[in-house]
Protein backbone atom coordinates (compact mmCIF):
# COMPACT_ATOMS: atom_id res chain seq x y z
CA MET A 1 70.97 100.05 194.07
CA ALA A 2 71.24 98.30 190.61
CA CYS A 3 74.04 97.12 188.94
CA SER A 4 74.51 98.46 185.28
CA SER A 5 73.29 95.43 183.51
CA CYS A 6 70.58 94.99 185.55
CA SER A 7 68.77 98.97 184.76
CA SER A 8 68.41 97.64 181.37
CA GLY A 9 67.02 94.38 181.80
CA GLY A 10 70.48 92.50 181.36
CA GLY A 11 71.46 89.52 182.97
CA CYS A 12 72.38 88.91 186.29
CA SER A 13 73.25 85.76 187.36
CA THR A 14 74.40 83.47 190.27
CA THR A 15 77.75 82.65 188.77
CA ALA A 16 80.69 84.74 188.95
CA ALA A 17 80.42 86.21 185.13
CA GLY A 18 77.69 88.08 186.04
CA CYS A 19 77.28 91.63 187.59
CA GLY A 20 78.41 90.73 191.31
CA SER A 21 75.10 91.08 193.11
CA LYS A 22 74.29 87.40 193.30
CA GLY A 23 70.81 88.00 191.60
CA SER A 24 70.20 89.95 194.80
CA CYS A 25 68.99 93.16 192.50
CA SER A 26 65.44 93.63 192.47
CA SER A 27 64.73 97.20 191.01
CA GLY A 28 66.39 96.56 187.80
CA GLY A 29 65.34 93.14 186.85
CA CYS A 30 68.29 90.67 188.04
CA ASN A 31 65.73 88.32 189.33
CA ARG A 32 63.26 89.00 186.32
CA LEU A 33 62.71 85.72 184.66
CA ASN A 34 65.79 84.20 185.82
CA VAL A 35 66.15 80.59 184.86
CA PHE A 36 68.05 78.11 187.12
CA ASP A 37 70.63 75.78 184.39
CA TRP A 38 70.73 72.35 186.68
CA LEU A 39 72.36 71.10 183.82
CA GLN A 40 75.65 73.16 183.99
CA ASP A 41 77.59 71.30 186.42
CA LEU A 42 77.32 67.68 184.85
CA ASP A 43 79.94 66.22 183.25
CA LEU A 44 78.60 65.57 179.36
CA PRO A 45 80.10 62.80 177.46
CA VAL A 46 82.93 63.07 175.07
CA ASP A 47 81.37 62.09 172.05
CA PHE A 48 78.22 64.22 172.76
CA LYS A 49 77.63 67.46 170.32
CA GLY A 50 76.43 70.49 172.31
CA PHE A 51 73.45 72.63 171.52
CA ASP A 52 74.52 75.50 169.51
CA ILE A 53 71.31 77.49 170.23
CA VAL A 54 71.58 80.09 173.18
CA GLU A 55 68.82 81.84 174.92
CA ILE A 56 69.63 86.16 174.93
CA ARG A 57 67.81 88.25 177.38
CA PHE A 58 67.42 91.79 176.57
CA LYS A 59 65.62 95.13 178.50
CA GLY A 60 62.28 94.44 180.41
CA GLY A 61 62.81 90.70 180.50
CA ARG A 62 62.17 90.40 176.62
CA LYS A 63 63.87 86.79 175.53
CA GLU A 64 64.93 85.78 171.83
CA PHE A 65 66.66 82.23 170.65
CA PHE A 66 70.39 83.19 168.91
CA ARG A 67 72.55 80.66 167.11
CA ASN A 68 75.94 80.51 168.40
CA ALA A 69 77.82 79.43 165.08
CA GLN A 70 81.09 80.60 165.93
CA HIS A 71 80.66 78.13 169.10
CA LEU A 72 81.74 80.73 171.18
CA PRO A 73 82.72 79.65 175.33
CA LEU A 74 79.80 81.50 176.50
CA VAL A 75 78.67 81.79 180.33
CA THR A 76 75.34 82.68 181.53
CA GLY A 77 75.40 86.36 182.39
CA ASP A 78 78.08 87.34 179.42
CA ALA A 79 76.99 90.20 177.52
CA VAL A 80 77.00 89.52 173.71
CA VAL A 81 76.79 91.24 170.73
CA VAL A 82 74.02 89.74 167.98
CA GLU A 83 72.30 90.81 164.42
CA ALA A 84 69.85 93.02 165.14
CA ALA A 85 66.40 92.15 163.52
CA GLY A 86 66.25 95.03 160.52
CA ASN A 87 70.22 96.16 160.47
CA GLY A 88 72.78 96.52 162.68
CA TRP A 89 73.41 95.31 165.92
CA HIS A 90 72.09 95.00 169.37
CA LEU A 91 73.60 93.98 172.97
CA GLY A 92 72.10 91.28 175.23
CA HIS A 93 73.05 88.76 178.18
CA VAL A 94 73.23 85.12 178.03
CA SER A 95 70.26 83.69 179.77
CA LEU A 96 70.32 80.23 179.30
CA LYS A 97 72.52 77.58 177.16
CA GLY A 98 72.79 74.03 176.75
CA GLU A 99 70.04 71.22 176.82
CA LEU A 100 67.64 73.28 178.47
CA VAL A 101 67.13 75.32 175.56
CA ARG A 102 65.61 72.84 173.61
CA LEU A 103 63.43 72.48 176.22
CA GLN A 104 62.51 75.82 175.99
CA MET A 105 61.95 76.07 171.95
CA ARG A 106 59.85 72.99 172.35
CA LYS A 107 57.70 74.62 175.31
CA LYS A 108 57.20 77.84 172.77
CA LYS A 109 56.88 75.62 169.69
CA VAL A 110 60.00 77.72 168.03
CA PRO A 111 61.28 75.00 165.44
CA LEU A 112 65.03 74.20 165.03
CA ASP A 113 66.02 74.94 161.64
CA SER A 114 63.73 78.56 161.54
CA LYS A 115 65.65 81.16 159.47
CA ASP A 116 64.27 84.15 162.39
CA ILE A 117 67.05 82.69 164.53
CA ARG A 118 69.81 84.90 163.71
CA PRO A 119 73.50 84.53 164.77
CA ILE A 120 75.78 85.86 167.56
CA LEU A 121 78.29 87.77 166.02
CA ARG A 122 81.21 88.04 169.36
CA VAL A 123 81.34 88.22 172.64
CA ALA A 124 80.96 92.32 173.71
CA SER A 125 84.18 93.91 174.61
CA PRO A 126 84.45 97.34 176.84
CA GLN A 127 83.87 99.69 174.28
CA ASP A 128 80.79 97.59 173.25
CA VAL A 129 79.39 98.15 177.08
CA GLU A 130 80.55 101.84 177.10
CA ARG A 131 78.04 102.72 173.99
CA TRP A 132 75.38 100.72 175.13
CA GLU A 133 75.32 102.30 178.58
CA ALA A 134 75.44 105.55 177.11
CA VAL A 135 72.41 105.09 174.57
CA ARG A 136 70.43 103.46 177.10
CA ASP A 137 70.71 106.92 179.74
CA LEU A 138 68.53 108.57 176.52
CA GLU A 139 65.79 106.43 176.97
CA THR A 140 64.19 107.86 179.96
CA GLY A 141 64.18 111.49 178.09
CA THR A 142 63.02 110.12 175.04
CA MET A 143 60.05 108.54 177.07
CA PHE A 144 58.96 111.56 178.29
CA ARG A 145 59.28 113.59 175.39
CA ALA A 146 57.29 111.53 173.55
CA ARG A 147 54.82 111.59 176.09
CA SER A 148 54.11 114.82 175.75
CA VAL A 149 54.01 114.74 171.99
CA VAL A 150 51.08 112.00 172.12
CA ASP A 151 49.13 114.58 174.30
CA GLU A 152 49.81 117.43 171.78
CA LEU A 153 48.35 115.25 169.28
CA ARG A 154 45.78 113.83 171.62
CA LEU A 155 46.01 110.13 171.06
CA LYS A 156 44.32 107.96 173.25
CA MET A 157 47.25 105.68 174.05
CA LYS A 158 50.00 105.23 177.08
CA LEU A 159 53.57 105.02 176.17
CA SER A 160 55.16 102.73 178.88
CA ASP A 161 58.44 102.01 177.57
CA VAL A 162 61.20 103.10 175.29
CA GLU A 163 64.70 100.74 174.31
CA TYR A 164 67.33 102.18 171.75
CA GLN A 165 69.35 99.78 169.52
CA ALA A 166 72.72 99.59 171.08
CA ASP A 167 74.35 100.95 168.15
CA ARG A 168 71.36 103.80 168.12
CA SER A 169 70.28 103.05 164.49
CA ARG A 170 66.56 102.14 165.60
CA ALA A 171 64.56 103.01 168.76
CA THR A 172 61.40 100.75 169.82
CA PHE A 173 58.53 102.14 171.64
CA PHE A 174 55.90 100.50 173.64
CA TYR A 175 52.41 101.35 174.35
CA SER A 176 48.95 100.38 175.21
CA ALA A 177 45.65 100.96 174.04
CA GLU A 178 42.46 99.91 174.21
CA ASP A 179 41.39 100.72 170.58
CA ARG A 180 43.49 100.85 167.17
CA VAL A 181 45.47 104.40 166.97
CA ASP A 182 46.27 106.11 164.16
CA PHE A 183 49.93 106.91 164.97
CA ARG A 184 51.43 107.72 161.63
CA ASP A 185 51.86 111.63 162.69
CA LEU A 186 53.64 110.31 165.85
CA ILE A 187 56.09 108.45 164.23
CA LYS A 188 56.99 111.23 161.61
CA ARG A 189 57.66 113.67 164.46
CA LEU A 190 59.01 111.53 166.53
CA ALA A 191 61.69 110.48 163.73
CA GLU A 192 62.33 114.46 162.97
CA GLU A 193 63.22 115.15 166.59
CA PHE A 194 65.53 111.92 167.53
CA ARG A 195 66.70 111.07 164.20
CA VAL A 196 66.06 107.39 164.69
CA ARG A 197 64.12 104.71 162.75
CA VAL A 198 60.92 104.59 165.08
CA GLU A 199 59.36 101.37 165.80
CA MET A 200 55.91 100.97 167.60
CA ARG A 201 55.12 97.80 169.22
CA GLN A 202 51.54 97.45 171.24
CA ILE A 203 51.69 95.54 174.24
CA SER A 204 49.21 93.98 176.32
CA LEU A 205 48.19 95.75 179.59
CA ARG A 206 49.59 92.60 181.69
CA HIS A 207 53.02 92.66 179.83
CA GLU A 208 53.20 96.28 180.91
CA ALA A 209 53.16 95.54 184.23
CA GLY A 210 55.94 92.94 183.50
CA ARG A 211 57.97 95.31 181.79
CA LEU A 212 57.89 97.98 184.27
CA GLY A 213 57.66 95.45 187.35
CA GLY A 214 56.40 96.56 190.94
CA ILE A 215 55.02 95.02 194.30
CA GLY A 216 51.58 93.51 194.46
CA SER A 217 48.96 93.27 197.12
CA CYS A 218 51.24 90.21 198.63
CA GLY A 219 53.94 92.70 199.37
CA ARG A 220 56.16 90.50 196.78
CA GLU A 221 57.26 91.08 193.51
CA LEU A 222 54.73 90.75 190.15
CA CYS A 223 54.77 87.47 189.23
CA CYS A 224 54.83 88.58 185.32
CA SER A 225 58.07 90.19 186.31
CA THR A 226 59.99 87.52 187.75
CA TRP A 227 58.62 84.33 186.69
CA LEU A 228 54.95 84.89 184.84
CA THR A 229 55.95 84.23 180.83
CA GLU A 230 52.10 82.60 179.47
CA PHE A 231 49.11 84.82 180.61
CA LYS A 232 45.79 83.07 180.79
CA SER A 233 42.88 84.65 180.92
CA VAL A 234 41.03 85.24 184.09
CA SER A 235 37.47 85.38 184.95
CA THR A 236 35.27 86.40 187.92
CA THR A 237 33.75 82.98 187.95
CA ALA A 238 37.38 81.71 189.42
CA ALA A 239 36.29 84.53 192.43
CA ARG A 240 33.04 83.14 192.85
CA TYR A 241 34.20 79.45 193.19
CA GLN A 242 36.73 80.82 195.81
CA ASN A 243 33.93 82.53 198.04
CA LEU A 244 35.78 85.98 197.41
CA SER A 245 33.97 89.20 197.21
CA LEU A 246 33.29 90.97 193.88
CA ASN A 247 35.24 93.70 194.66
CA PRO A 248 37.13 95.36 191.25
CA ALA A 249 39.50 97.05 193.71
CA LYS A 250 40.59 94.08 195.61
CA LEU A 251 40.50 91.53 192.47
CA SER A 252 42.51 93.96 190.26
CA GLY A 253 46.05 94.11 190.11
CA GLN A 254 48.61 96.80 189.45
CA CYS A 255 47.80 96.37 185.27
CA GLY A 256 44.21 97.32 185.97
CA ARG A 257 42.80 93.66 185.01
CA LEU A 258 41.93 90.75 187.23
CA LYS A 259 44.72 88.98 188.95
CA CYS A 260 46.89 86.15 187.53
CA CYS A 261 47.07 84.39 190.97
CA LEU A 262 43.40 83.80 191.24
CA ASN A 263 44.22 80.69 188.99
CA TYR A 264 46.94 79.26 191.33
CA GLU A 265 44.33 77.76 193.37
CA LEU A 266 41.36 77.73 191.07
CA ASP A 267 42.28 73.38 190.30
CA THR A 268 42.23 72.81 194.48
CA TYR A 269 38.55 74.54 194.88
CA LEU A 270 37.05 72.97 192.19
CA GLN A 271 38.22 69.45 193.62
CA ALA A 272 36.91 70.32 197.23
CA LEU A 273 33.81 71.43 195.69
CA LYS A 274 32.64 68.01 194.61
CA ASP A 275 32.26 67.35 198.34
CA ILE A 276 30.11 70.32 198.97
CA PRO A 277 25.88 70.37 198.27
CA GLN A 278 24.24 73.02 195.85
CA VAL A 279 22.16 74.51 197.83
CA GLN A 280 19.74 75.79 195.24
CA ARG A 281 16.69 76.38 197.72
CA ALA A 282 15.93 77.30 201.50
CA LEU A 283 15.96 74.45 203.99
CA GLN A 284 12.52 73.79 205.06
CA THR A 285 12.25 73.16 208.57
CA GLU A 286 9.40 73.43 211.60
CA LYS A 287 10.52 76.59 212.60
CA GLY A 288 10.95 78.33 209.01
CA ASP A 289 12.94 78.23 205.97
CA ALA A 290 16.90 79.01 206.36
CA PHE A 291 18.83 80.38 203.99
CA LEU A 292 22.70 79.74 203.12
CA GLN A 293 24.90 82.59 204.71
CA LYS A 294 28.41 81.39 204.43
CA THR A 295 30.74 78.00 203.49
CA ASP A 296 33.47 77.10 204.08
CA ILE A 297 34.60 74.88 201.26
CA PHE A 298 37.76 72.51 203.29
CA LYS A 299 36.48 72.21 206.50
CA LYS A 300 33.06 71.09 204.87
CA LYS A 301 30.71 73.38 206.82
CA MET A 302 28.05 75.46 206.17
CA TRP A 303 26.34 78.37 207.75
CA PHE A 304 22.48 79.09 207.93
CA ALA A 305 20.40 81.41 209.16
CA PHE A 306 16.25 81.68 209.38
CA ARG A 307 14.62 85.45 208.11
CA GLY A 308 15.15 87.79 210.49
CA ASP A 309 17.51 86.20 212.64
CA ASN A 310 21.01 87.28 213.11
CA ASN A 311 22.37 84.04 214.79
CA TRP A 312 23.70 81.78 211.99
CA VAL A 313 23.88 78.21 212.58
CA MET A 314 26.73 75.96 211.57
CA LEU A 315 26.33 72.23 210.06
CA PRO A 316 28.35 69.63 208.18
CA THR A 317 27.69 68.94 204.98
CA GLU A 318 25.94 65.26 205.85
CA ARG A 319 23.53 67.10 207.95
CA VAL A 320 22.56 69.31 204.99
CA ARG A 321 21.99 66.56 202.61
CA GLU A 322 19.86 64.99 205.18
CA ILE A 323 17.76 67.87 205.43
CA GLN A 324 17.64 68.01 201.44
CA GLU A 325 16.45 64.24 201.31
CA MET A 326 13.93 65.18 204.03
CA ASN A 327 12.59 68.04 201.89
CA LYS A 328 12.79 66.39 198.58
CA ARG A 329 10.13 63.34 200.30
CA GLY A 330 7.84 66.14 201.86
CA GLU A 331 8.95 66.33 205.42
CA LYS A 332 10.54 69.25 207.48
CA PRO A 333 12.40 68.52 210.38
CA GLU A 334 12.23 69.61 213.97
CA SER A 335 15.54 72.09 213.81
CA LEU A 336 18.09 72.26 211.50
CA LEU A 337 20.55 70.92 214.13
CA PRO A 338 19.99 66.62 214.64
CA PRO A 339 18.48 65.08 217.70
CA VAL A 340 20.43 64.83 220.17
CA THR A 341 19.78 61.19 222.37
CA GLU A 342 21.10 60.18 225.72
CA GLU A 343 23.73 57.97 224.32
CA GLU A 344 25.03 60.39 221.86
CA ARG A 345 25.44 63.24 224.64
CA GLN A 346 28.90 63.93 225.04
CA PRO A 347 30.74 63.22 228.47
CA GLU A 348 32.00 65.80 230.40
CA VAL A 349 35.21 67.43 230.37
CA SER A 350 36.24 66.64 233.84
CA ALA A 351 35.61 62.78 232.58
CA ILE A 352 37.59 63.18 229.42
CA VAL A 353 40.51 65.00 231.52
CA GLU A 354 43.28 62.62 233.07
CA GLY A 355 44.09 63.83 236.39
CA SER A 356 40.92 66.18 236.83
CA LEU A 357 40.86 68.24 239.74
CA ASP A 358 37.66 66.74 240.83
CA ARG A 359 38.31 63.31 240.61
CA LEU A 360 41.53 64.74 243.24
CA ASP A 361 39.36 66.29 245.49
CA ASP A 362 37.02 63.32 246.28
CA LYS A 363 40.40 60.96 246.94
CA ILE A 364 41.85 63.51 249.33
CA LYS A 365 38.21 63.44 250.94
CA ALA A 366 37.86 59.59 251.30
CA ASN A 367 41.22 59.50 252.61
CA LYS A 368 40.29 61.88 255.20
CA ARG A 369 37.31 60.06 256.10
CA ALA A 370 38.47 57.06 256.47
CA LYS A 371 41.32 58.39 258.47
CA ARG A 372 38.53 59.76 261.14
CA LYS A 373 36.54 56.68 261.39
CA LYS A 374 40.10 54.41 262.27
CA LYS A 375 40.94 57.01 265.29
CA ARG A 376 37.63 57.22 266.57
CA PRO A 377 37.57 53.10 267.82
CA GLU A 378 40.87 53.83 269.55
CA ALA A 379 40.04 56.32 271.49
CA SER A 380 36.73 55.28 272.70
CA ALA A 381 38.28 51.99 274.40
CA GLU A 382 40.80 53.52 276.66
CA ALA A 383 39.62 55.46 279.77
CA PRO A 384 39.97 59.39 279.37
CA VAL A 385 42.53 59.87 281.61
CA SER A 386 42.41 63.66 283.09
CA THR A 387 45.72 65.34 284.09
CA PRO A 388 45.47 67.96 287.07
CA ARG A 389 47.40 70.52 286.76
CA ARG A 390 48.51 70.18 290.61
CA GLU A 391 47.42 68.24 293.17
CA GLN A 392 45.44 70.45 296.24
CA ALA A 393 46.79 70.68 299.58
CA PRO A 394 43.98 69.25 302.18
CA GLU A 395 42.49 71.82 304.33
CA ALA A 396 43.38 72.47 307.43
CA PRO A 397 41.00 71.16 310.70
CA ASN A 398 41.78 74.81 312.02
CA ALA A 399 41.29 76.76 308.64
CA PRO A 400 39.38 79.82 308.54
CA ALA A 401 35.79 79.52 306.57
CA ALA A 402 35.64 80.64 303.01
CA PRO A 403 34.48 84.28 302.69
CA SER A 404 30.90 84.48 301.77
CA ALA A 405 30.32 85.39 297.57
CA ARG A 406 30.02 88.40 296.16
CA ALA A 407 26.55 89.48 294.59
CA ASP A 408 27.76 88.58 291.08
CA GLY A 409 28.92 85.09 291.99
CA ARG A 410 33.13 85.75 292.51
CA PRO A 411 34.71 84.92 295.55
CA ARG A 412 36.12 86.98 297.92
CA GLY A 413 39.79 87.58 300.08
CA ALA A 414 41.30 84.63 299.79
CA ALA A 415 39.12 82.50 297.88
CA ALA A 416 39.57 84.51 294.92
CA LYS A 417 43.51 83.17 294.96
CA PRO A 418 43.61 79.45 293.02
CA ALA A 419 44.49 76.64 295.72
CA ASN A 420 48.05 76.00 294.43
CA ARG A 421 49.12 78.86 294.91
CA ARG A 422 51.49 78.00 297.95
CA HIS A 423 53.06 75.68 295.73
CA ARG A 424 54.51 77.81 293.42
CA PRO A 425 58.19 78.70 293.47
CA PRO A 426 59.39 82.06 295.39
CA ARG A 427 59.62 84.79 293.08
CA PRO A 428 63.47 85.98 292.80
CA THR A 429 64.76 88.55 295.73
CA GLY A 430 64.95 92.47 295.09
CA GLU A 431 68.17 94.42 295.94
CA ALA A 432 68.56 94.17 299.28
CA GLY A 433 67.88 90.33 299.22
CA GLU A 434 64.57 89.85 300.34
CA THR A 435 61.90 87.88 299.20
CA ARG A 436 59.58 89.63 296.92
CA PRO A 437 56.10 88.51 297.39
CA PRO A 438 54.03 86.76 294.93
CA ARG A 439 51.92 89.37 292.75
CA PRO A 440 48.08 88.25 292.82
CA GLU A 441 46.70 86.73 289.48
CA GLY A 442 42.95 88.03 290.09
CA GLY A 443 44.13 91.62 291.84
CA THR A 444 46.26 94.44 290.72
CA PRO A 445 49.57 95.59 292.05
CA SER A 446 48.99 98.15 295.01
CA ALA A 447 50.60 101.41 294.25
CA GLY A 448 52.86 103.76 295.83
CA ASN A 449 55.28 101.21 298.40
CA GLY A 450 54.71 98.54 296.49
CA THR A 451 52.34 96.71 299.34
CA GLU A 452 50.00 93.76 299.37
CA ASN A 453 46.44 94.19 299.93
CA ARG A 454 44.69 93.58 302.91
CA SER A 455 42.97 90.65 302.27
CA GLU A 456 45.92 88.69 300.98
CA ARG A 457 47.48 89.66 304.60
CA GLN A 458 44.64 88.72 306.75
CA GLY A 459 44.83 85.31 304.91
CA ARG A 460 48.85 84.38 305.35
CA ASN A 461 48.30 85.61 308.95
CA GLY A 462 45.61 83.59 309.33
CA ARG A 463 47.51 80.39 308.40
CA ARG A 464 50.09 81.34 309.94
CA GLY A 465 48.89 81.37 313.65
CA GLY A 466 46.13 78.96 312.97
CA GLY A 467 43.55 80.64 315.24
CA ARG A 468 40.63 82.69 314.84
CA ARG A 469 40.56 86.58 313.88
CA ASN A 470 38.63 89.07 315.37
CA GLY A 471 36.93 92.02 313.61
CA GLY A 472 39.95 93.94 313.44
CA GLY A 473 42.24 91.53 312.40
CA GLN A 474 44.41 90.43 315.48
CA ASP A 475 44.60 87.58 316.98
CA ALA A 476 41.52 86.23 319.49
CA THR A 477 44.15 85.51 322.64
CA THR A 478 45.99 88.84 322.28
CA PRO A 479 43.69 90.86 325.08
CA PRO A 480 42.75 94.35 323.04
CA ALA A 481 44.85 97.38 323.12
CA VAL A 482 43.54 100.03 325.83
């Protein structure tokens, strides 16, 4: 997952001379304390003398300044062999060169003519790199063995990392402890067992987390292992200013101390708090005393609640100042909310929104009423014209009298048929070419051979003969049969 140089804190860079992962491998520290050299592609003047001090990075993001006395053509990410502090040599990677190194030395207050700046011996050869990788593989086993020795001696310290020098002449043990530790017996035991010169170096818990690395609660790599080099003191006051709950489990980082990111936005909160009134006492109203429950610093809103009431009232900061001034004069407002007058009442939503549906409905109703009013006078000016269905034939002088009505009011016989029955077109003929008799509207067809009702036959015979009928239904001029 990581390259050979990353696992020991070596320099991955965005140049071709690096590990080749283009700075994307983060398990071993490719992105650890990376610096972008924005001056490397700029052409310098011909008579410009380059800066001869180079920044070298070692395991765990540790950086030191070395002098390039031989003026070697170095590129960011190159492996170089440097002179060790005590004796021997060590291997590191170039992290920064040029004029930006001058700015870094000025920032860290390192003089340019300091005697502690050691020289660069040479560019690392493949044999130097192989030897350095072989020594680096011994560091994990050495650390676990050293921890077991610490437990045997019952020392109150925590070993976090071990770094071998490239020539395997010295081993540096990094530890953290709250109190002073007498580790003279520990040094003797480790020197006898590993046959190296032992150096104990105490680091803080924040530096320990930076060397080990990890993922913070935000889901990103720890700031101390990627870009943060200077650790400022963090107090719980920063959490109070930002209205954070004083929960040690949430405010503590991976190192067990308060998170460094609490200081990032502290200046912004302090600037915004200048416009927030300080509520030392409860606000006095006629309904009772209202206590501060919550404050939104950036929106400038404050929530108050009466004693024993779970309903919070939101007030702007201007209203809170107004109530505080009234309480100083000995006055008490009726309620926390400002009095609402008729002029200050906000209009309804339907009046604000354009194209309200209510207004559209009113327009449609008004158009319909106008159309109705226009139609009414036109209809009254003209006389109503009745259109009868069909003209009725005049009554024949010899027509029989209308039959009497039934008890329920309905007519009998031919009177039950409509008057325009005779004007209807003939019905279609049957199979034998005979015209089918019309079917009565009010009656029902006769069953069997489809003969007509008796009343219908009598009415039709009377119209054909034009004479009166007797009770038997025969013509009056014909003598009755004997």
